[in-house]
Amino acid sequence: MHIDGQCHCGYVRYEADIDPTQVSICHCTDCQLLTSSAYRVTVAATRDRFTLRGNAPKAYTKIGDSGAVSVQYFCPKCGSPIYRASGDASDARIGIRIGTIRQRRELTPSRQFWLRSALPFVHDIRALPGKDGD
């Protein structure tokens, strides 16, 4: 599937070819902190199928809960997380943050990771009152 996306302000833009079955949710504490949310949703891609079309993102390197080096890429203007890559240059995989993808409504997670770190409320929010707008 061909996708395109951008940060909140449009400064960083990209295109990629992805496998839409490779969408995952991560509940690790690093993802909670990095997204300021309960979890992070990512679609896998490879570096050779990902092309920046706008300005370059800024990078932040972190040792993850797994012990692996993870490089987080985000917009230097608005701060939107865009994607992550391994600190190992031979690892071709990247994870694109689903919220930046224009076609995000067409993507559905197929797996979850780090469930032991999941916040208790995330497993069923259907009973919460809701509105279609604010």
Protein backbone atom coordinates (compact mmCIF):
# COMPACT_ATOMS: atom_id res chain seq x y z
CA MET A 1 0.00 0.00 0.00
CA HIS A 2 1.35 3.43 -0.89
CA ILE A 3 0.94 6.03 1.86
CA ASP A 4 1.90 9.62 2.45
CA GLY A 5 1.93 11.74 5.53
CA GLN A 6 3.27 14.68 7.42
CA CYS A 7 3.76 16.21 10.82
CA HIS A 8 1.10 18.47 12.33
CA CYS A 9 2.50 21.67 10.77
CA GLY A 10 3.50 20.11 7.41
CA TYR A 11 7.20 20.90 7.75
CA VAL A 12 8.19 17.20 7.55
CA ARG A 13 6.47 15.18 4.80
CA TYR A 14 7.06 11.67 3.48
CA GLU A 15 5.86 8.84 1.23
CA ALA A 16 6.25 5.11 1.80
CA ASP A 17 5.15 1.70 0.62
CA ILE A 18 3.92 -0.46 3.49
CA ASP A 19 2.26 -3.77 4.22
CA PRO A 20 -1.06 -2.72 5.83
CA THR A 21 -1.13 -5.94 7.86
CA GLN A 22 1.95 -4.78 9.79
CA VAL A 23 0.26 -2.30 12.14
CA SER A 24 1.02 -2.71 15.82
CA ILE A 25 0.26 -1.18 19.20
CA CYS A 26 3.05 -0.83 21.75
CA HIS A 27 2.19 -0.30 25.41
CA CYS A 28 5.77 0.06 26.72
CA THR A 29 6.50 2.93 29.08
CA ASP A 30 8.86 4.53 26.56
CA CYS A 31 6.07 4.70 23.98
CA GLN A 32 3.70 6.12 26.58
CA LEU A 33 6.20 8.87 27.39
CA LEU A 34 7.18 9.54 23.76
CA THR A 35 3.55 9.89 22.62
CA SER A 36 2.17 11.47 25.81
CA SER A 37 -0.57 8.88 25.46
CA ALA A 38 -1.54 5.39 26.63
CA TYR A 39 0.23 3.62 23.75
CA ARG A 40 1.83 4.09 20.35
CA VAL A 41 0.45 2.79 17.02
CA THR A 42 2.99 2.16 14.27
CA VAL A 43 3.08 0.61 10.82
CA ALA A 44 6.24 -1.17 9.75
CA ALA A 45 8.14 -0.14 6.65
CA THR A 46 11.66 -0.48 5.33
CA ARG A 47 14.13 2.37 4.90
CA ASP A 48 14.37 1.75 1.15
CA ARG A 49 10.56 2.16 0.78
CA PHE A 50 10.41 5.40 2.80
CA THR A 51 11.18 8.80 1.24
CA LEU A 52 11.23 12.19 2.93
CA ARG A 53 9.48 14.79 0.74
CA GLY A 54 9.61 17.79 3.03
CA ASN A 55 12.22 19.06 5.43
CA ALA A 56 14.40 16.80 7.52
CA PRO A 57 13.17 15.67 10.93
CA LYS A 58 15.22 15.95 14.10
CA ALA A 59 16.44 12.76 15.79
CA TYR A 60 16.52 11.63 19.41
CA THR A 61 18.33 8.42 20.38
CA LYS A 62 17.07 6.33 23.31
CA ILE A 63 17.77 2.92 24.83
CA GLY A 64 14.33 1.28 24.91
CA ASP A 65 12.72 -0.92 27.53
CA SER A 66 13.94 -3.87 25.43
CA GLY A 67 17.56 -2.67 25.72
CA ALA A 68 17.78 -1.86 22.02
CA VAL A 69 18.90 1.51 20.65
CA SER A 70 15.96 3.35 19.11
CA VAL A 71 16.19 6.56 17.11
CA GLN A 72 13.03 8.66 17.27
CA TYR A 73 12.43 11.15 14.44
CA PHE A 74 10.19 14.15 15.00
CA CYS A 75 9.40 17.56 13.51
CA PRO A 76 11.79 20.25 14.80
CA LYS A 77 9.03 22.88 14.49
CA CYS A 78 5.85 21.30 15.91
CA GLY A 79 7.32 18.29 17.73
CA SER A 80 5.14 15.64 16.06
CA PRO A 81 6.66 12.14 16.24
CA ILE A 82 7.06 10.88 12.65
CA TYR A 83 8.88 7.53 12.76
CA ARG A 84 11.49 5.45 14.58
CA ALA A 85 14.42 3.40 13.39
CA SER A 86 16.90 1.07 15.01
CA GLY A 87 20.28 2.43 16.01
CA ASP A 88 21.70 -0.47 13.99
CA ALA A 89 22.14 0.85 10.42
CA SER A 90 21.95 -2.71 9.05
CA ASP A 91 18.37 -3.00 10.38
CA ALA A 92 16.22 -1.88 7.43
CA ARG A 93 12.98 -1.66 9.44
CA ILE A 94 11.37 1.58 10.53
CA GLY A 95 8.10 2.26 12.32
CA ILE A 96 5.93 5.07 10.98
CA ARG A 97 3.62 6.71 13.53
CA ILE A 98 0.08 6.06 12.31
CA GLY A 99 -1.24 9.48 13.31
CA THR A 100 0.95 11.13 10.67
CA ILE A 101 -0.35 8.92 7.83
CA ARG A 102 -3.02 10.48 5.63
CA GLN A 103 -4.57 7.04 4.98
CA ARG A 104 -4.65 6.12 8.71
CA ARG A 105 -8.38 5.26 8.67
CA GLU A 106 -7.57 2.37 6.30
CA LEU A 107 -5.12 0.80 8.76
CA THR A 108 -6.04 -1.54 11.62
CA PRO A 109 -3.65 -2.91 14.25
CA SER A 110 -3.01 -6.65 14.04
CA ARG A 111 -0.93 -7.13 17.23
CA GLN A 112 0.11 -5.56 20.55
CA PHE A 113 3.38 -5.53 22.48
CA TRP A 114 4.46 -4.86 26.08
CA LEU A 115 1.00 -5.61 27.48
CA ARG A 116 2.40 -5.79 31.01
CA SER A 117 2.88 -1.99 30.79
CA ALA A 118 -0.60 -1.31 29.38
CA LEU A 119 -2.66 1.21 31.33
CA PRO A 120 -5.69 -0.54 32.85
CA PHE A 121 -8.32 1.51 31.01
CA VAL A 122 -7.10 0.90 27.43
CA HIS A 123 -8.64 -2.52 26.91
CA ASP A 124 -12.25 -1.37 26.84
CA ILE A 125 -13.31 2.25 26.46
CA ARG A 126 -16.54 1.54 24.57
CA ALA A 127 -18.68 2.19 27.68
CA LEU A 128 -17.33 5.73 28.11
CA PRO A 129 -19.72 8.53 27.10
CA GLY A 130 -18.72 10.13 23.82
CA LYS A 131 -19.60 12.79 21.24
CA ASP A 132 -18.90 13.00 17.49
CA GLY A 133 -17.41 16.48 17.97
CA ASP A 134 -16.58 18.83 20.79
